[in-house]
Amino acid sequence: MEQGTVEDPSASTFTLTEEDHTLANSLRFSLNQDPRVTFCGYSIPHPSEARVNVRLQTTGDPASEVLRDSCQDLMLMCQHIRGTFDQAVLDFTNEKGLEDMDIKK
């Protein structure tokens, strides 16, 4: 949910439900890498609520557009990390083989 003004679409607060520090901090990092962002921060109103408020101010571009772009960048980062991890596991199993591992049945 977006909370902002019609007069200034470059500054908004977005509420993400059912989320916590895991996504919020990653999203904050991704947003702060964007040169269009002048301010980005997040807060969790109460520890017992699964809700995050992300405040975003841009140099003039609509905040919702910048947020969407950063979410896409974050997805690409996660896909790259997953692909790198999967390849490392595959390389390890091909090189060492499972028989070298001390796995008790």
N, C-alpha and C. Protein backbone atom coordinates (compact mmCIF):
# COMPACT_ATOMS: atom_id res chain seq x y z
N MET A 1 0.85 -1.17 0.00
CA MET A 1 0.00 0.00 0.00
C MET A 1 0.90 1.24 0.00
N GLU A 2 0.56 2.20 -0.82
CA GLU A 2 1.34 3.42 -0.93
C GLU A 2 0.61 4.55 -0.22
N GLN A 3 1.39 5.29 0.56
CA GLN A 3 0.85 6.48 1.22
C GLN A 3 1.69 7.66 0.78
N GLY A 4 1.10 8.56 0.05
CA GLY A 4 1.83 9.72 -0.44
C GLY A 4 0.83 10.79 -0.86
N THR A 5 1.33 11.79 -1.55
CA THR A 5 0.46 12.85 -2.01
C THR A 5 0.43 12.85 -3.53
N VAL A 6 -0.66 13.31 -4.07
CA VAL A 6 -0.79 13.40 -5.52
C VAL A 6 0.10 14.52 -6.05
N GLU A 7 0.27 15.57 -5.26
CA GLU A 7 1.07 16.71 -5.68
C GLU A 7 2.56 16.37 -5.83
N ASP A 8 3.06 15.45 -5.00
CA ASP A 8 4.48 15.10 -5.03
C ASP A 8 4.66 13.58 -5.10
N PRO A 9 4.66 13.01 -6.31
CA PRO A 9 4.80 11.56 -6.43
C PRO A 9 6.23 11.07 -6.18
N SER A 10 7.16 12.02 -5.96
CA SER A 10 8.55 11.62 -5.74
C SER A 10 8.84 11.23 -4.29
N ALA A 11 7.87 11.39 -3.40
CA ALA A 11 8.05 11.01 -1.99
C ALA A 11 6.83 10.22 -1.53
N SER A 12 7.08 9.02 -1.06
CA SER A 12 5.99 8.16 -0.60
C SER A 12 6.47 7.22 0.49
N THR A 13 5.50 6.73 1.24
CA THR A 13 5.75 5.66 2.21
C THR A 13 4.96 4.45 1.75
N PHE A 14 5.64 3.32 1.67
CA PHE A 14 5.02 2.08 1.23
C PHE A 14 4.93 1.13 2.42
N THR A 15 3.78 0.52 2.59
CA THR A 15 3.58 -0.46 3.65
C THR A 15 3.59 -1.86 3.06
N LEU A 16 4.49 -2.68 3.55
CA LEU A 16 4.60 -4.06 3.10
C LEU A 16 4.10 -4.96 4.22
N THR A 17 3.05 -5.71 3.95
CA THR A 17 2.49 -6.57 4.99
C THR A 17 3.14 -7.96 4.91
N GLU A 18 3.13 -8.64 6.03
CA GLU A 18 3.71 -9.98 6.17
C GLU A 18 5.19 -10.01 5.81
N GLU A 19 5.91 -8.93 6.12
CA GLU A 19 7.35 -8.86 5.87
C GLU A 19 8.07 -8.39 7.12
N ASP A 20 9.41 -8.55 7.13
CA ASP A 20 10.19 -8.15 8.28
C ASP A 20 11.53 -7.57 7.81
N HIS A 21 12.53 -7.56 8.71
CA HIS A 21 13.83 -6.96 8.41
C HIS A 21 14.52 -7.63 7.22
N THR A 22 14.24 -8.90 6.98
CA THR A 22 14.93 -9.61 5.90
C THR A 22 14.71 -8.93 4.56
N LEU A 23 13.49 -8.72 4.19
CA LEU A 23 13.21 -8.04 2.92
C LEU A 23 13.48 -6.55 3.03
N ALA A 24 13.09 -5.93 4.13
CA ALA A 24 13.20 -4.48 4.25
C ALA A 24 14.64 -4.00 4.13
N ASN A 25 15.57 -4.67 4.79
CA ASN A 25 16.97 -4.24 4.73
C ASN A 25 17.56 -4.49 3.35
N SER A 26 17.20 -5.59 2.72
CA SER A 26 17.67 -5.87 1.36
C SER A 26 17.12 -4.85 0.38
N LEU A 27 15.86 -4.51 0.54
CA LEU A 27 15.24 -3.52 -0.33
C LEU A 27 15.84 -2.14 -0.11
N ARG A 28 16.10 -1.79 1.13
CA ARG A 28 16.74 -0.51 1.45
C ARG A 28 18.11 -0.43 0.79
N PHE A 29 18.88 -1.52 0.86
CA PHE A 29 20.19 -1.55 0.22
C PHE A 29 20.07 -1.33 -1.29
N SER A 30 19.15 -2.05 -1.91
CA SER A 30 18.94 -1.94 -3.35
C SER A 30 18.50 -0.54 -3.75
N LEU A 31 17.61 0.04 -2.98
CA LEU A 31 17.14 1.40 -3.27
C LEU A 31 18.27 2.42 -3.14
N ASN A 32 19.09 2.27 -2.12
CA ASN A 32 20.18 3.24 -1.91
C ASN A 32 21.27 3.16 -2.97
N GLN A 33 21.29 2.09 -3.77
CA GLN A 33 22.23 1.98 -4.89
C GLN A 33 21.76 2.78 -6.11
N ASP A 34 20.49 3.13 -6.12
CA ASP A 34 19.90 3.85 -7.26
C ASP A 34 20.21 5.33 -7.13
N PRO A 35 20.81 5.93 -8.16
CA PRO A 35 21.15 7.36 -8.09
C PRO A 35 19.93 8.29 -8.05
N ARG A 36 18.75 7.77 -8.37
CA ARG A 36 17.53 8.59 -8.32
C ARG A 36 17.01 8.75 -6.90
N VAL A 37 17.55 7.99 -5.95
CA VAL A 37 17.06 8.01 -4.57
C VAL A 37 17.84 9.03 -3.75
N THR A 38 17.10 9.93 -3.09
CA THR A 38 17.73 10.89 -2.19
C THR A 38 17.62 10.45 -0.73
N PHE A 39 16.59 9.69 -0.41
CA PHE A 39 16.42 9.15 0.94
C PHE A 39 15.65 7.86 0.88
N CYS A 40 16.09 6.90 1.67
CA CYS A 40 15.36 5.65 1.82
C CYS A 40 15.62 5.11 3.22
N GLY A 41 14.55 4.73 3.88
CA GLY A 41 14.66 4.14 5.20
C GLY A 41 13.43 3.30 5.46
N TYR A 42 13.52 2.46 6.48
CA TYR A 42 12.36 1.66 6.81
C TYR A 42 12.20 1.58 8.32
N SER A 43 10.98 1.28 8.72
CA SER A 43 10.69 1.08 10.14
C SER A 43 9.68 -0.04 10.27
N ILE A 44 9.74 -0.68 11.43
CA ILE A 44 8.75 -1.69 11.78
C ILE A 44 7.98 -1.10 12.95
N PRO A 45 6.69 -0.78 12.73
CA PRO A 45 5.93 -0.07 13.76
C PRO A 45 5.92 -0.76 15.12
N HIS A 46 5.79 -2.07 15.11
CA HIS A 46 5.75 -2.81 16.38
C HIS A 46 6.27 -4.22 16.12
N PRO A 47 7.08 -4.77 17.02
CA PRO A 47 7.66 -6.10 16.78
C PRO A 47 6.63 -7.21 16.60
N SER A 48 5.45 -7.06 17.16
CA SER A 48 4.45 -8.12 17.03
C SER A 48 3.65 -8.03 15.73
N GLU A 49 3.86 -6.96 14.97
CA GLU A 49 3.16 -6.79 13.69
C GLU A 49 4.10 -7.18 12.56
N ALA A 50 3.62 -7.97 11.62
CA ALA A 50 4.41 -8.34 10.45
C ALA A 50 4.17 -7.30 9.36
N ARG A 51 4.70 -6.10 9.62
CA ARG A 51 4.47 -4.99 8.70
C ARG A 51 5.71 -4.11 8.69
N VAL A 52 6.06 -3.62 7.51
CA VAL A 52 7.22 -2.76 7.33
C VAL A 52 6.79 -1.50 6.59
N ASN A 53 7.23 -0.35 7.06
CA ASN A 53 7.01 0.90 6.34
C ASN A 53 8.32 1.32 5.70
N VAL A 54 8.30 1.52 4.37
CA VAL A 54 9.48 1.94 3.63
C VAL A 54 9.24 3.37 3.15
N ARG A 55 10.07 4.29 3.59
CA ARG A 55 9.97 5.70 3.17
C ARG A 55 10.97 5.92 2.05
N LEU A 56 10.48 6.51 0.95
CA LEU A 56 11.31 6.70 -0.23
C LEU A 56 11.12 8.11 -0.78
N GLN A 57 12.23 8.80 -1.01
CA GLN A 57 12.21 10.11 -1.65
C GLN A 57 13.20 10.07 -2.81
N THR A 58 12.77 10.59 -3.96
CA THR A 58 13.59 10.53 -5.16
C THR A 58 13.93 11.93 -5.65
N THR A 59 14.76 11.98 -6.68
CA THR A 59 15.17 13.25 -7.27
C THR A 59 14.10 13.85 -8.16
N GLY A 60 13.01 13.15 -8.35
CA GLY A 60 11.92 13.66 -9.19
C GLY A 60 11.11 12.57 -9.85
N ASP A 61 11.70 11.40 -10.03
CA ASP A 61 10.97 10.28 -10.61
C ASP A 61 9.91 9.80 -9.62
N PRO A 62 8.83 9.22 -10.11
CA PRO A 62 7.81 8.70 -9.20
C PRO A 62 8.40 7.62 -8.29
N ALA A 63 8.12 7.73 -7.01
CA ALA A 63 8.67 6.79 -6.03
C ALA A 63 8.23 5.36 -6.31
N SER A 64 7.00 5.19 -6.76
CA SER A 64 6.51 3.83 -7.04
C SER A 64 7.30 3.18 -8.18
N GLU A 65 7.71 3.97 -9.17
CA GLU A 65 8.50 3.45 -10.28
C GLU A 65 9.89 3.04 -9.80
N VAL A 66 10.49 3.87 -8.97
CA VAL A 66 11.83 3.57 -8.44
C VAL A 66 11.78 2.33 -7.55
N LEU A 67 10.74 2.21 -6.75
CA LEU A 67 10.56 1.03 -5.90
C LEU A 67 10.42 -0.23 -6.76
N ARG A 68 9.62 -0.17 -7.80
CA ARG A 68 9.43 -1.31 -8.69
C ARG A 68 10.76 -1.72 -9.33
N ASP A 69 11.53 -0.74 -9.80
CA ASP A 69 12.83 -1.02 -10.42
C ASP A 69 13.78 -1.68 -9.42
N SER A 70 13.78 -1.20 -8.19
CA SER A 70 14.66 -1.77 -7.17
C SER A 70 14.24 -3.18 -6.80
N CYS A 71 12.95 -3.45 -6.79
CA CYS A 71 12.47 -4.81 -6.52
C CYS A 71 12.94 -5.76 -7.63
N GLN A 72 12.90 -5.29 -8.86
CA GLN A 72 13.38 -6.11 -9.98
C GLN A 72 14.89 -6.34 -9.87
N ASP A 73 15.64 -5.30 -9.48
CA ASP A 73 17.08 -5.45 -9.28
C ASP A 73 17.37 -6.46 -8.18
N LEU A 74 16.60 -6.39 -7.10
CA LEU A 74 16.78 -7.31 -5.99
C LEU A 74 16.48 -8.76 -6.42
N MET A 75 15.46 -8.94 -7.24
CA MET A 75 15.15 -10.27 -7.77
C MET A 75 16.31 -10.81 -8.61
N LEU A 76 16.91 -9.95 -9.43
CA LEU A 76 18.04 -10.38 -10.25
C LEU A 76 19.24 -10.75 -9.38
N MET A 77 19.47 -9.99 -8.31
CA MET A 77 20.56 -10.31 -7.39
C MET A 77 20.34 -11.67 -6.75
N CYS A 78 19.11 -11.92 -6.31
CA CYS A 78 18.78 -13.20 -5.68
C CYS A 78 18.93 -14.35 -6.66
N GLN A 79 18.51 -14.16 -7.90
CA GLN A 79 18.66 -15.21 -8.91
C GLN A 79 20.14 -15.50 -9.18
N HIS A 80 20.95 -14.46 -9.21
CA HIS A 80 22.39 -14.63 -9.42
C HIS A 80 23.02 -15.40 -8.26
N ILE A 81 22.67 -15.04 -7.05
CA ILE A 81 23.20 -15.73 -5.87
C ILE A 81 22.79 -17.19 -5.88
N ARG A 82 21.53 -17.46 -6.18
CA ARG A 82 21.04 -18.84 -6.23
C ARG A 82 21.76 -19.64 -7.31
N GLY A 83 21.93 -19.05 -8.48
CA GLY A 83 22.64 -19.73 -9.56
C GLY A 83 24.08 -20.02 -9.21
N THR A 84 24.76 -19.06 -8.57
CA THR A 84 26.15 -19.24 -8.15
C THR A 84 26.26 -20.34 -7.11
N PHE A 85 25.33 -20.36 -6.16
CA PHE A 85 25.33 -21.39 -5.12
C PHE A 85 25.09 -22.77 -5.71
N ASP A 86 24.07 -22.88 -6.58
CA ASP A 86 23.76 -24.16 -7.20
C ASP A 86 24.95 -24.68 -8.01
N GLN A 87 25.63 -23.78 -8.72
CA GLN A 87 26.80 -24.19 -9.51
C GLN A 87 27.93 -24.64 -8.61
N ALA A 88 28.14 -23.97 -7.48
CA ALA A 88 29.18 -24.37 -6.54
C ALA A 88 28.89 -25.74 -5.94
N VAL A 89 27.64 -26.01 -5.63
CA VAL A 89 27.26 -27.33 -5.10
C VAL A 89 27.50 -28.40 -6.17
N LEU A 90 27.11 -28.12 -7.40
CA LEU A 90 27.31 -29.06 -8.50
C LEU A 90 28.80 -29.32 -8.72
N ASP A 91 29.60 -28.27 -8.73
CA ASP A 91 31.05 -28.42 -8.91
C ASP A 91 31.66 -29.27 -7.78
N PHE A 92 31.21 -29.02 -6.56
CA PHE A 92 31.72 -29.77 -5.42
C PHE A 92 31.38 -31.24 -5.52
N THR A 93 30.13 -31.54 -5.84
CA THR A 93 29.72 -32.95 -5.91
C THR A 93 30.40 -33.66 -7.08
N ASN A 94 30.65 -32.96 -8.19
CA ASN A 94 31.34 -33.57 -9.32
C ASN A 94 32.81 -33.80 -9.01
N GLU A 95 33.41 -32.90 -8.28
CA GLU A 95 34.83 -32.99 -7.97
C GLU A 95 35.11 -33.98 -6.85
N LYS A 96 34.38 -33.87 -5.77
CA LYS A 96 34.63 -34.69 -4.59
C LYS A 96 33.82 -35.99 -4.59
N GLY A 97 32.63 -35.91 -5.10
CA GLY A 97 31.76 -37.07 -5.06
C GLY A 97 31.13 -37.24 -3.69
N LEU A 98 30.01 -37.86 -3.66
CA LEU A 98 29.31 -38.04 -2.40
C LEU A 98 29.96 -39.10 -1.52
N GLU A 99 30.76 -40.01 -2.09
CA GLU A 99 31.37 -41.06 -1.27
C GLU A 99 32.42 -40.50 -0.31
N ASP A 100 33.01 -39.35 -0.63
CA ASP A 100 34.00 -38.74 0.26
C ASP A 100 33.36 -38.05 1.45
N MET A 101 32.07 -37.80 1.37
CA MET A 101 31.40 -37.10 2.46
C MET A 101 31.06 -38.09 3.57
N ASP A 102 31.19 -37.65 4.80
CA ASP A 102 30.89 -38.49 5.95
C ASP A 102 29.42 -38.33 6.31
N ILE A 103 28.56 -39.06 5.58
CA ILE A 103 27.12 -39.00 5.82
C ILE A 103 26.69 -40.32 6.44
N LYS A 104 26.11 -40.24 7.62
CA LYS A 104 25.63 -41.46 8.29
C LYS A 104 24.22 -41.74 7.84
N LYS A 105 23.98 -42.97 7.46
CA LYS A 105 22.66 -43.35 6.96
C LYS A 105 21.73 -43.74 8.04
